[in-house]
Each structure stands twice: as structure tokens, then as C-alpha cells.
Amino acid sequence: MSNLTSLPALPLDQPLLNANDAAGLLAVRPSWIYEAVRSGQLPCLRIGRHIRFTRAMLEAWLAEQCS
């Protein structure tokens, strides 16, 4: 059993995004999102079998790619 108190708090003031939502924000195909997550290139939240993203997470990743 994991220790939930050691996990960083994620603000949930905005909804979690699925792969299609993330693809729309990044102007790529959903298949690119899945491949980038599989290869470890794009960070995500794993909730069971599902992958989810926050807008802030995608914005931080994009800023890192531009630097």
C-alpha cells in the first residue's frame, strides 16, 4: 500500500484531460500522445489503465521543449 501523504498535491480546480483533449491542445494526433506517453517523452497521470493530463502539466512540458 502506498503512502498517500508523500504524494505531491495536484490542484483539481480544472478537469483532468484525456488523450484526445491533450492532442487538441498540442495540435497533434491522439496516436502521437499515446506513443509519447509510452516512450516516456510526455508526462502523464495514470489512473488505473487510463492516462490523464492537467493543462498545467502540458504547459510546463511545452515550455521545457521550447527552451
Protein backbone atom coordinates (compact mmCIF):
# COMPACT_ATOMS: atom_id res chain seq x y z
CA MET A 1 0.00 0.00 0.00
CA SER A 2 1.43 3.42 -0.96
CA ASN A 3 1.83 6.30 1.43
CA LEU A 4 -0.54 8.97 0.12
CA THR A 5 0.94 11.67 2.34
CA SER A 6 4.18 11.57 0.34
CA LEU A 7 2.47 12.36 -2.97
CA PRO A 8 2.52 15.96 -4.22
CA ALA A 9 -0.84 17.69 -4.13
CA LEU A 10 -2.31 18.37 -7.57
CA PRO A 11 -4.84 21.15 -7.84
CA LEU A 12 -8.11 19.91 -9.27
CA ASP A 13 -9.60 23.32 -9.96
CA GLN A 14 -9.60 22.34 -13.64
CA PRO A 15 -10.74 18.99 -15.05
CA LEU A 16 -8.28 16.28 -15.96
CA LEU A 17 -7.73 15.95 -19.69
CA ASN A 18 -7.80 12.71 -21.65
CA ALA A 19 -5.55 11.93 -24.63
CA ASN A 20 -7.96 13.49 -27.12
CA ASP A 21 -8.13 16.71 -25.11
CA ALA A 22 -4.34 16.82 -24.80
CA ALA A 23 -3.97 16.20 -28.53
CA GLY A 24 -6.28 19.11 -29.25
CA LEU A 25 -4.29 21.46 -27.02
CA LEU A 26 -0.95 20.41 -28.53
CA ALA A 27 -2.33 20.25 -32.11
CA VAL A 28 -1.17 16.66 -32.63
CA ARG A 29 -2.96 13.38 -33.25
CA PRO A 30 -4.13 11.31 -30.27
CA SER A 31 -1.91 8.48 -31.52
CA TRP A 32 1.12 10.77 -31.01
CA ILE A 33 0.02 11.38 -27.42
CA TYR A 34 -0.18 7.64 -26.71
CA GLU A 35 3.22 6.98 -28.31
CA ALA A 36 4.86 9.89 -26.44
CA VAL A 37 3.48 8.57 -23.13
CA ARG A 38 4.64 5.02 -23.93
CA SER A 39 8.16 6.22 -24.75
CA GLY A 40 8.35 8.39 -21.63
CA GLN A 41 8.60 11.59 -23.66
CA LEU A 42 5.33 13.09 -22.37
CA PRO A 43 4.47 13.02 -18.65
CA CYS A 44 1.02 11.88 -17.60
CA LEU A 45 -1.04 10.81 -14.63
CA ARG A 46 -2.02 7.16 -14.59
CA ILE A 47 -5.38 6.41 -13.05
CA GLY A 48 -5.86 2.69 -13.34
CA ARG A 49 -5.47 1.92 -17.05
CA HIS A 50 -6.27 5.48 -18.05
CA ILE A 51 -3.85 8.29 -18.80
CA ARG A 52 -4.80 11.81 -17.85
CA PHE A 53 -3.16 15.21 -18.01
CA THR A 54 -3.56 18.61 -16.41
CA ARG A 55 -3.34 21.71 -18.54
CA ALA A 56 -0.53 22.98 -16.29
CA MET A 57 1.38 19.73 -16.84
CA LEU A 58 1.14 20.09 -20.61
CA GLU A 59 2.08 23.78 -20.48
CA ALA A 60 5.17 23.00 -18.37
CA TRP A 61 6.20 20.21 -20.74
CA LEU A 62 5.75 22.51 -23.75
CA ALA A 63 7.78 25.30 -22.13
CA GLU A 64 10.56 22.78 -21.44
CA GLN A 65 10.56 21.75 -25.13
CA CYS A 66 10.93 25.39 -26.23
CA SER A 67 13.93 26.13 -24.02
